[in-house]
């Protein structure tokens, strides 16, 4: 995939993020590295997901989420792909989810949709993060994170490397 610009703070880079249809959130050690602009959204097959989960997981502490806005549907974001290294901890993954929520707010998206095919991302985790089962009549695990009643309080500052709050 081709990448162009990136921002390391979604708040100061909100105007750029608002113009990007496709992007990648990159986290490392519980901190945001960058949100990258991508020219096209990735197309990932179930076979690729299975192979990478079984044999191709990297031994690093990096997590990334690929997302895009479907053409003609400005109110939605689609979570396309999650990649997490073996040493990427819970805080790193959770931070990526919070950054995605912030991007939804910046883009005025009313929902994020995802087809979750990796069983290590549990239904319980998704529910705790505000996601709900969606399209139950379809095969697979389809989930949606709705923002109809507003966006969650931003916790983005926890994940910005130069501005982390001391707990």
N, C-alpha and C. Protein backbone atom coordinates (compact mmCIF):
# COMPACT_ATOMS: atom_id res chain seq x y z
N UNK A 1 0.82 -1.18 0.00
CA UNK A 1 0.00 0.00 0.00
C UNK A 1 0.87 1.25 0.00
N UNK A 2 0.41 2.25 -0.64
CA UNK A 2 1.16 3.50 -0.74
C UNK A 2 0.75 4.42 0.41
N UNK A 3 1.73 4.98 1.08
CA UNK A 3 1.47 5.96 2.14
C UNK A 3 1.98 7.31 1.69
N UNK A 4 1.33 8.34 2.19
CA UNK A 4 1.74 9.70 1.89
C UNK A 4 2.13 10.38 3.19
N UNK A 5 1.32 11.30 3.62
CA UNK A 5 1.59 12.09 4.82
C UNK A 5 1.22 11.31 6.08
N UNK A 6 1.67 11.84 7.21
CA UNK A 6 1.27 11.27 8.49
C UNK A 6 1.21 12.38 9.52
N UNK A 7 0.48 12.12 10.59
CA UNK A 7 0.42 13.03 11.72
C UNK A 7 0.69 12.23 12.99
N UNK A 8 1.35 12.88 13.96
CA UNK A 8 1.61 12.19 15.22
C UNK A 8 0.70 12.67 16.34
N UNK A 9 -0.19 13.60 16.03
CA UNK A 9 -1.18 14.09 16.99
C UNK A 9 -2.48 14.34 16.22
N UNK A 10 -3.48 13.48 16.41
CA UNK A 10 -4.73 13.66 15.66
C UNK A 10 -5.45 14.98 15.94
N UNK A 11 -5.23 15.58 17.09
CA UNK A 11 -5.89 16.85 17.38
C UNK A 11 -5.30 17.95 16.52
N UNK A 12 -3.97 18.09 16.52
CA UNK A 12 -3.36 19.14 15.70
C UNK A 12 -3.42 18.79 14.21
N UNK A 13 -3.55 17.52 13.88
CA UNK A 13 -3.63 17.09 12.48
C UNK A 13 -5.04 16.78 12.03
N UNK A 14 -6.04 17.30 12.75
CA UNK A 14 -7.43 16.97 12.46
C UNK A 14 -7.85 17.34 11.04
N UNK A 15 -7.41 18.47 10.54
CA UNK A 15 -7.79 18.88 9.18
C UNK A 15 -7.27 17.89 8.14
N UNK A 16 -6.05 17.41 8.34
CA UNK A 16 -5.52 16.41 7.40
C UNK A 16 -6.33 15.12 7.48
N UNK A 17 -6.54 14.63 8.69
CA UNK A 17 -7.28 13.38 8.87
C UNK A 17 -8.68 13.48 8.29
N UNK A 18 -9.30 14.62 8.40
CA UNK A 18 -10.65 14.82 7.87
C UNK A 18 -10.67 14.65 6.35
N UNK A 19 -9.57 14.95 5.67
CA UNK A 19 -9.50 14.84 4.20
C UNK A 19 -9.12 13.43 3.73
N UNK A 20 -8.57 12.60 4.60
CA UNK A 20 -8.09 11.27 4.20
C UNK A 20 -9.23 10.25 4.25
N UNK A 21 -9.44 9.56 3.16
CA UNK A 21 -10.46 8.50 3.13
C UNK A 21 -9.94 7.20 3.73
N UNK A 22 -8.64 6.95 3.60
CA UNK A 22 -8.02 5.72 4.12
C UNK A 22 -6.85 6.08 5.03
N UNK A 23 -6.69 5.31 6.09
CA UNK A 23 -5.58 5.59 6.99
C UNK A 23 -5.15 4.38 7.78
N UNK A 24 -4.02 4.53 8.44
CA UNK A 24 -3.47 3.49 9.31
C UNK A 24 -3.03 4.14 10.61
N UNK A 25 -3.51 3.61 11.72
CA UNK A 25 -3.10 4.04 13.06
C UNK A 25 -1.96 3.12 13.48
N UNK A 26 -0.82 3.70 13.84
CA UNK A 26 0.34 2.92 14.26
C UNK A 26 0.64 3.24 15.72
N UNK A 27 0.65 2.20 16.55
CA UNK A 27 0.93 2.33 17.99
C UNK A 27 2.15 1.47 18.34
N UNK A 28 2.90 1.90 19.34
CA UNK A 28 4.03 1.10 19.83
C UNK A 28 4.23 1.40 21.31
N UNK A 29 4.40 0.36 22.10
CA UNK A 29 4.62 0.51 23.55
C UNK A 29 3.56 1.38 24.21
N UNK A 30 2.32 1.25 23.83
CA UNK A 30 1.24 2.00 24.45
C UNK A 30 1.12 3.45 24.01
N UNK A 31 1.87 3.86 23.01
CA UNK A 31 1.85 5.25 22.56
C UNK A 31 1.59 5.32 21.05
N UNK A 32 0.93 6.39 20.65
CA UNK A 32 0.69 6.62 19.23
C UNK A 32 1.99 7.01 18.55
N UNK A 33 2.32 6.32 17.49
CA UNK A 33 3.47 6.68 16.66
C UNK A 33 3.01 7.66 15.61
N UNK A 34 1.95 7.28 14.86
CA UNK A 34 1.44 8.15 13.80
C UNK A 34 0.12 7.62 13.27
N UNK A 35 -0.59 8.50 12.60
CA UNK A 35 -1.71 8.13 11.76
C UNK A 35 -1.24 8.45 10.35
N UNK A 36 -1.20 7.42 9.50
CA UNK A 36 -0.70 7.57 8.13
C UNK A 36 -1.85 7.69 7.15
N UNK A 37 -1.67 8.56 6.18
CA UNK A 37 -2.60 8.63 5.05
C UNK A 37 -2.24 7.50 4.10
N UNK A 38 -3.26 6.81 3.60
CA UNK A 38 -3.05 5.75 2.63
C UNK A 38 -3.89 6.05 1.39
N UNK A 39 -3.30 5.79 0.25
CA UNK A 39 -3.98 6.08 -1.01
C UNK A 39 -5.19 5.18 -1.22
N UNK A 40 -5.03 3.90 -0.96
CA UNK A 40 -6.13 2.96 -1.11
C UNK A 40 -6.24 2.12 0.15
N UNK A 41 -7.45 1.63 0.40
CA UNK A 41 -7.63 0.77 1.56
C UNK A 41 -7.20 -0.64 1.21
N UNK A 42 -6.76 -1.35 2.21
CA UNK A 42 -6.28 -2.70 2.00
C UNK A 42 -7.40 -3.68 1.79
N UNK A 43 -7.11 -4.71 1.05
CA UNK A 43 -8.04 -5.80 0.85
C UNK A 43 -7.40 -7.04 1.45
N UNK A 44 -8.00 -7.52 2.52
CA UNK A 44 -7.43 -8.65 3.25
C UNK A 44 -8.37 -9.84 3.13
N UNK A 45 -7.82 -10.99 2.78
CA UNK A 45 -8.64 -12.19 2.66
C UNK A 45 -8.67 -12.94 3.98
N UNK A 46 -9.68 -13.78 4.15
CA UNK A 46 -9.76 -14.62 5.35
C UNK A 46 -8.57 -15.56 5.42
N UNK A 47 -8.10 -16.04 4.29
CA UNK A 47 -6.92 -16.91 4.28
C UNK A 47 -5.69 -16.17 4.82
N UNK A 48 -5.54 -14.92 4.43
CA UNK A 48 -4.40 -14.12 4.90
C UNK A 48 -4.49 -13.90 6.41
N UNK A 49 -5.68 -13.60 6.90
CA UNK A 49 -5.87 -13.40 8.34
C UNK A 49 -5.52 -14.69 9.08
N UNK A 50 -6.02 -15.83 8.61
CA UNK A 50 -5.74 -17.11 9.26
C UNK A 50 -4.24 -17.39 9.25
N UNK A 51 -3.60 -17.22 8.09
CA UNK A 51 -2.17 -17.51 7.97
C UNK A 51 -1.34 -16.64 8.92
N UNK A 52 -1.65 -15.36 8.94
CA UNK A 52 -0.87 -14.46 9.79
C UNK A 52 -1.12 -14.74 11.27
N UNK A 53 -2.35 -15.11 11.63
CA UNK A 53 -2.63 -15.44 13.03
C UNK A 53 -1.90 -16.71 13.46
N UNK A 54 -1.78 -17.67 12.55
CA UNK A 54 -1.17 -18.95 12.90
C UNK A 54 0.34 -18.96 12.72
N UNK A 55 0.85 -18.34 11.67
CA UNK A 55 2.27 -18.46 11.35
C UNK A 55 3.02 -17.14 11.21
N UNK A 56 2.32 -16.07 10.92
CA UNK A 56 3.02 -14.86 10.52
C UNK A 56 3.01 -13.71 11.51
N UNK A 57 2.68 -13.99 12.78
CA UNK A 57 2.64 -12.91 13.75
C UNK A 57 4.06 -12.47 14.08
N UNK A 58 4.29 -11.18 13.96
CA UNK A 58 5.62 -10.63 14.20
C UNK A 58 5.92 -10.62 15.70
N UNK A 59 7.20 -10.72 16.04
CA UNK A 59 7.62 -10.69 17.44
C UNK A 59 8.04 -9.27 17.81
N UNK A 60 7.08 -8.35 17.77
CA UNK A 60 7.39 -6.96 18.11
C UNK A 60 6.27 -6.39 18.97
N UNK A 61 6.40 -5.13 19.32
CA UNK A 61 5.42 -4.48 20.19
C UNK A 61 4.61 -3.42 19.43
N UNK A 62 4.39 -3.66 18.16
CA UNK A 62 3.68 -2.71 17.30
C UNK A 62 2.28 -3.22 16.99
N UNK A 63 1.35 -2.30 16.99
CA UNK A 63 -0.03 -2.61 16.60
C UNK A 63 -0.45 -1.55 15.58
N UNK A 64 -1.15 -1.98 14.55
CA UNK A 64 -1.73 -1.00 13.65
C UNK A 64 -3.15 -1.39 13.29
N UNK A 65 -3.95 -0.38 13.03
CA UNK A 65 -5.32 -0.55 12.56
C UNK A 65 -5.45 0.17 11.23
N UNK A 66 -5.96 -0.52 10.23
CA UNK A 66 -6.27 0.11 8.95
C UNK A 66 -7.77 0.40 8.92
N UNK A 67 -8.12 1.58 8.45
CA UNK A 67 -9.53 1.97 8.37
C UNK A 67 -9.75 2.74 7.07
N UNK A 68 -11.02 2.84 6.67
CA UNK A 68 -11.37 3.69 5.54
C UNK A 68 -12.83 4.12 5.63
N UNK A 69 -13.14 5.14 4.88
CA UNK A 69 -14.51 5.61 4.72
C UNK A 69 -15.00 5.05 3.39
N UNK A 70 -16.05 4.22 3.41
CA UNK A 70 -16.56 3.69 2.15
C UNK A 70 -17.05 4.82 1.24
N UNK A 71 -16.82 4.67 -0.05
CA UNK A 71 -17.25 5.68 -1.02
C UNK A 71 -18.76 5.84 -0.94
N UNK A 72 -19.21 7.08 -0.86
CA UNK A 72 -20.63 7.39 -0.81
C UNK A 72 -21.26 7.19 0.56
N UNK A 73 -20.46 6.89 1.58
CA UNK A 73 -21.00 6.67 2.92
C UNK A 73 -20.17 7.46 3.95
N UNK A 74 -20.25 8.78 3.92
CA UNK A 74 -19.40 9.59 4.80
C UNK A 74 -19.70 9.42 6.28
N UNK A 75 -20.84 8.84 6.61
CA UNK A 75 -21.18 8.68 8.01
C UNK A 75 -20.56 7.44 8.66
N UNK A 76 -19.89 6.61 7.87
CA UNK A 76 -19.31 5.38 8.40
C UNK A 76 -17.81 5.32 8.21
N UNK A 77 -17.15 4.64 9.13
CA UNK A 77 -15.76 4.19 8.96
C UNK A 77 -15.78 2.68 9.02
N UNK A 78 -14.91 2.06 8.28
CA UNK A 78 -14.76 0.61 8.30
C UNK A 78 -13.40 0.28 8.88
N UNK A 79 -13.37 -0.54 9.91
CA UNK A 79 -12.12 -1.06 10.46
C UNK A 79 -11.76 -2.26 9.59
N UNK A 80 -10.69 -2.12 8.79
CA UNK A 80 -10.35 -3.13 7.79
C UNK A 80 -9.44 -4.22 8.31
N UNK A 81 -8.47 -3.84 9.12
CA UNK A 81 -7.44 -4.82 9.48
C UNK A 81 -6.77 -4.40 10.78
N UNK A 82 -6.48 -5.37 11.62
CA UNK A 82 -5.73 -5.15 12.85
C UNK A 82 -4.51 -6.05 12.79
N UNK A 83 -3.37 -5.47 13.03
CA UNK A 83 -2.12 -6.23 13.09
C UNK A 83 -1.46 -5.92 14.42
N UNK A 84 -1.21 -6.96 15.22
CA UNK A 84 -0.57 -6.76 16.52
C UNK A 84 0.55 -7.77 16.69
N UNK A 85 1.73 -7.28 17.01
CA UNK A 85 2.86 -8.16 17.27
C UNK A 85 2.69 -8.90 18.58
N UNK A 86 3.46 -9.95 18.76
CA UNK A 86 3.35 -10.78 19.96
C UNK A 86 3.61 -10.00 21.25
N UNK A 87 4.43 -8.97 21.20
CA UNK A 87 4.75 -8.19 22.40
C UNK A 87 3.94 -6.91 22.51
N UNK A 88 2.98 -6.72 21.62
CA UNK A 88 2.09 -5.55 21.70
C UNK A 88 1.10 -5.81 22.82
N UNK A 89 1.17 -5.03 23.87
CA UNK A 89 0.33 -5.26 25.04
C UNK A 89 -1.08 -4.72 24.87
N UNK A 90 -1.85 -4.98 25.90
CA UNK A 90 -3.24 -4.55 25.94
C UNK A 90 -3.36 -3.04 25.78
N UNK A 91 -2.50 -2.28 26.46
CA UNK A 91 -2.57 -0.82 26.40
C UNK A 91 -2.33 -0.33 24.97
N UNK A 92 -1.44 -0.99 24.25
CA UNK A 92 -1.15 -0.60 22.88
C UNK A 92 -2.38 -0.82 21.99
N UNK A 93 -2.99 -1.99 22.11
CA UNK A 93 -4.18 -2.30 21.32
C UNK A 93 -5.35 -1.39 21.71
N UNK A 94 -5.57 -1.22 23.00
CA UNK A 94 -6.65 -0.37 23.47
C UNK A 94 -6.44 1.07 23.01
N UNK A 95 -5.20 1.54 23.03
CA UNK A 95 -4.89 2.88 22.55
C UNK A 95 -5.27 3.05 21.09
N UNK A 96 -5.00 2.03 20.28
CA UNK A 96 -5.36 2.10 18.86
C UNK A 96 -6.87 2.23 18.69
N UNK A 97 -7.63 1.53 19.51
CA UNK A 97 -9.09 1.62 19.46
C UNK A 97 -9.54 3.03 19.85
N UNK A 98 -8.92 3.60 20.88
CA UNK A 98 -9.27 4.96 21.30
C UNK A 98 -8.91 6.00 20.23
N UNK A 99 -7.79 5.80 19.56
CA UNK A 99 -7.42 6.71 18.47
C UNK A 99 -8.44 6.60 17.34
N UNK A 100 -8.89 5.38 17.04
CA UNK A 100 -9.91 5.20 16.00
C UNK A 100 -11.21 5.92 16.39
N UNK A 101 -11.59 5.85 17.66
CA UNK A 101 -12.77 6.59 18.13
C UNK A 101 -12.59 8.09 17.90
N UNK A 102 -11.38 8.58 18.16
CA UNK A 102 -11.09 10.01 17.97
C UNK A 102 -11.16 10.38 16.49
N UNK A 103 -10.68 9.51 15.64
CA UNK A 103 -10.76 9.75 14.19
C UNK A 103 -12.22 9.78 13.74
N UNK A 104 -13.04 8.90 14.31
CA UNK A 104 -14.48 8.92 14.00
C UNK A 104 -15.07 10.27 14.39
N UNK A 105 -14.68 10.80 15.55
CA UNK A 105 -15.18 12.10 15.99
C UNK A 105 -14.72 13.20 15.03
N UNK A 106 -13.44 13.18 14.69
CA UNK A 106 -12.88 14.19 13.78
C UNK A 106 -13.60 14.17 12.44
N UNK A 107 -13.92 12.99 11.94
CA UNK A 107 -14.56 12.85 10.64
C UNK A 107 -16.09 12.90 10.72
N UNK A 108 -16.63 13.10 11.92
CA UNK A 108 -18.09 13.15 12.15
C UNK A 108 -18.78 11.86 11.71
N UNK A 109 -18.11 10.74 11.89
CA UNK A 109 -18.70 9.44 11.56
C UNK A 109 -19.71 9.07 12.64
N UNK A 110 -20.82 8.49 12.23
CA UNK A 110 -21.82 8.06 13.20
C UNK A 110 -21.62 6.62 13.64
N UNK A 111 -20.73 5.89 12.95
CA UNK A 111 -20.48 4.51 13.34
C UNK A 111 -19.19 3.99 12.70
N UNK A 112 -18.63 2.97 13.34
CA UNK A 112 -17.50 2.21 12.79
C UNK A 112 -18.00 0.78 12.67
N UNK A 113 -17.76 0.16 11.54
CA UNK A 113 -18.16 -1.24 11.34
C UNK A 113 -16.93 -2.10 11.11
N UNK A 114 -17.04 -3.37 11.52
CA UNK A 114 -15.91 -4.29 11.37
C UNK A 114 -16.41 -5.72 11.28
N UNK A 115 -15.69 -6.52 10.51
CA UNK A 115 -15.89 -7.97 10.48
C UNK A 115 -14.71 -8.56 11.23
N UNK A 116 -14.95 -9.04 12.43
CA UNK A 116 -13.88 -9.55 13.29
C UNK A 116 -13.74 -11.05 13.04
N UNK A 117 -12.60 -11.44 12.48
CA UNK A 117 -12.41 -12.85 12.15
C UNK A 117 -11.41 -13.53 13.06
N UNK A 118 -10.71 -12.78 13.89
CA UNK A 118 -9.72 -13.35 14.79
C UNK A 118 -10.36 -13.58 16.15
N UNK A 119 -10.37 -14.82 16.59
CA UNK A 119 -11.05 -15.16 17.84
C UNK A 119 -10.34 -14.64 19.09
N UNK A 120 -9.09 -14.17 18.94
CA UNK A 120 -8.41 -13.61 20.12
C UNK A 120 -8.99 -12.24 20.48
N UNK A 121 -9.71 -11.62 19.58
CA UNK A 121 -10.45 -10.40 19.90
C UNK A 121 -11.83 -10.88 20.34
N UNK A 122 -12.05 -10.89 21.63
CA UNK A 122 -13.25 -11.52 22.18
C UNK A 122 -14.47 -10.62 22.09
N UNK A 123 -15.62 -11.26 22.11
CA UNK A 123 -16.88 -10.53 22.14
C UNK A 123 -16.94 -9.67 23.39
N UNK A 124 -16.46 -10.20 24.50
CA UNK A 124 -16.47 -9.45 25.76
C UNK A 124 -15.66 -8.15 25.64
N UNK A 125 -14.48 -8.24 25.05
CA UNK A 125 -13.66 -7.04 24.87
C UNK A 125 -14.40 -6.01 24.02
N UNK A 126 -14.96 -6.46 22.91
CA UNK A 126 -15.67 -5.54 22.02
C UNK A 126 -16.85 -4.88 22.73
N UNK A 127 -17.61 -5.65 23.49
CA UNK A 127 -18.74 -5.09 24.21
C UNK A 127 -18.27 -4.07 25.24
N UNK A 128 -17.17 -4.33 25.92
CA UNK A 128 -16.65 -3.39 26.92
C UNK A 128 -16.20 -2.08 26.27
N UNK A 129 -15.85 -2.12 24.99
CA UNK A 129 -15.43 -0.92 24.27
C UNK A 129 -16.59 -0.24 23.54
N UNK A 130 -17.81 -0.71 23.78
CA UNK A 130 -18.99 -0.05 23.21
C UNK A 130 -19.44 -0.60 21.87
N UNK A 131 -18.90 -1.74 21.45
CA UNK A 131 -19.30 -2.34 20.18
C UNK A 131 -20.50 -3.26 20.40
N UNK A 132 -21.30 -3.44 19.35
CA UNK A 132 -22.46 -4.32 19.40
C UNK A 132 -22.43 -5.25 18.19
N UNK A 133 -23.02 -6.46 18.37
CA UNK A 133 -23.15 -7.38 17.23
C UNK A 133 -24.03 -6.72 16.18
N UNK A 134 -23.73 -7.01 14.94
CA UNK A 134 -24.39 -6.34 13.82
C UNK A 134 -24.53 -7.36 12.70
N UNK A 135 -25.57 -7.24 11.92
CA UNK A 135 -25.80 -8.13 10.78
C UNK A 135 -25.71 -9.59 11.20
N UNK A 136 -26.47 -9.95 12.22
CA UNK A 136 -26.41 -11.30 12.78
C UNK A 136 -26.82 -12.37 11.79
N UNK A 137 -27.60 -11.99 10.77
CA UNK A 137 -28.03 -12.96 9.77
C UNK A 137 -26.90 -13.32 8.78
N UNK A 138 -25.84 -12.53 8.76
CA UNK A 138 -24.71 -12.81 7.88
C UNK A 138 -23.75 -13.77 8.58
N UNK A 139 -22.97 -14.48 7.80
CA UNK A 139 -21.97 -15.36 8.41
C UNK A 139 -20.82 -14.49 8.92
N UNK A 140 -20.18 -14.95 9.96
CA UNK A 140 -19.05 -14.23 10.53
C UNK A 140 -19.47 -13.36 11.70
N UNK A 141 -18.50 -12.68 12.27
CA UNK A 141 -18.70 -11.83 13.43
C UNK A 141 -18.65 -10.37 13.00
N UNK A 142 -19.81 -9.80 12.74
CA UNK A 142 -19.91 -8.41 12.32
C UNK A 142 -20.27 -7.56 13.53
N UNK A 143 -19.51 -6.46 13.70
CA UNK A 143 -19.68 -5.59 14.85
C UNK A 143 -19.79 -4.15 14.41
N UNK A 144 -20.44 -3.34 15.25
CA UNK A 144 -20.60 -1.91 14.97
C UNK A 144 -20.39 -1.13 16.27
N UNK A 145 -19.74 0.01 16.13
CA UNK A 145 -19.56 0.96 17.25
C UNK A 145 -20.30 2.21 16.84
N UNK A 146 -21.46 2.45 17.47
CA UNK A 146 -22.32 3.58 17.10
C UNK A 146 -21.98 4.81 17.94
N UNK A 147 -22.13 5.98 17.31
CA UNK A 147 -21.91 7.25 17.99
C UNK A 147 -23.15 8.14 17.86
N UNK A 148 -24.33 7.54 17.73
CA UNK A 148 -25.55 8.30 17.52
C UNK A 148 -25.83 9.25 18.68
N UNK A 149 -25.47 8.84 19.89
CA UNK A 149 -25.73 9.66 21.08
C UNK A 149 -24.52 10.48 21.49
N UNK A 150 -23.56 10.60 20.61
CA UNK A 150 -22.36 11.37 20.91
C UNK A 150 -21.13 10.47 21.00
N UNK A 151 -20.00 11.09 21.15
CA UNK A 151 -18.73 10.39 21.17
C UNK A 151 -18.27 10.21 22.62
N UNK A 152 -17.52 9.16 22.88
CA UNK A 152 -17.01 8.99 24.25
C UNK A 152 -16.03 10.11 24.58
N UNK A 153 -15.85 10.35 25.86
CA UNK A 153 -14.88 11.34 26.29
C UNK A 153 -13.50 10.93 25.77
N UNK A 154 -12.81 11.88 25.20
CA UNK A 154 -11.50 11.58 24.61
C UNK A 154 -10.48 11.26 25.70
N UNK A 155 -9.75 10.18 25.49
CA UNK A 155 -8.63 9.82 26.36
C UNK A 155 -7.34 9.82 25.54
N UNK A 156 -7.37 10.50 24.43
CA UNK A 156 -6.25 10.52 23.49
C UNK A 156 -4.94 10.95 24.15
N UNK A 157 -5.00 11.88 25.09
CA UNK A 157 -3.77 12.39 25.73
C UNK A 157 -2.95 11.28 26.38
N UNK A 158 -3.62 10.21 26.82
CA UNK A 158 -2.90 9.07 27.43
C UNK A 158 -1.94 8.39 26.45
N UNK A 159 -2.23 8.52 25.17
CA UNK A 159 -1.51 7.76 24.16
C UNK A 159 -0.57 8.60 23.30
N UNK A 160 -0.52 9.90 23.55
CA UNK A 160 0.43 10.75 22.82
C UNK A 160 1.76 10.70 23.53
N UNK A 161 2.83 10.32 22.85
CA UNK A 161 4.10 10.02 23.51
C UNK A 161 4.71 11.18 24.31
N UNK A 162 4.57 12.39 23.87
CA UNK A 162 5.19 13.51 24.55
C UNK A 162 4.29 14.14 25.59
N UNK A 163 3.04 13.67 25.67
CA UNK A 163 2.10 14.32 26.58
C UNK A 163 1.36 13.31 27.44
N UNK A 164 1.96 12.19 27.75
CA UNK A 164 1.29 11.19 28.57
C UNK A 164 1.04 11.73 29.96
N UNK A 165 -0.13 11.39 30.49
CA UNK A 165 -0.46 11.80 31.85
C UNK A 165 0.07 10.75 32.82
N UNK A 166 0.54 11.19 33.95
CA UNK A 166 1.00 10.26 34.98
C UNK A 166 -0.21 9.81 35.77
N UNK A 167 -0.37 8.51 35.89
CA UNK A 167 -1.55 7.96 36.56
C UNK A 167 -1.40 8.00 38.06
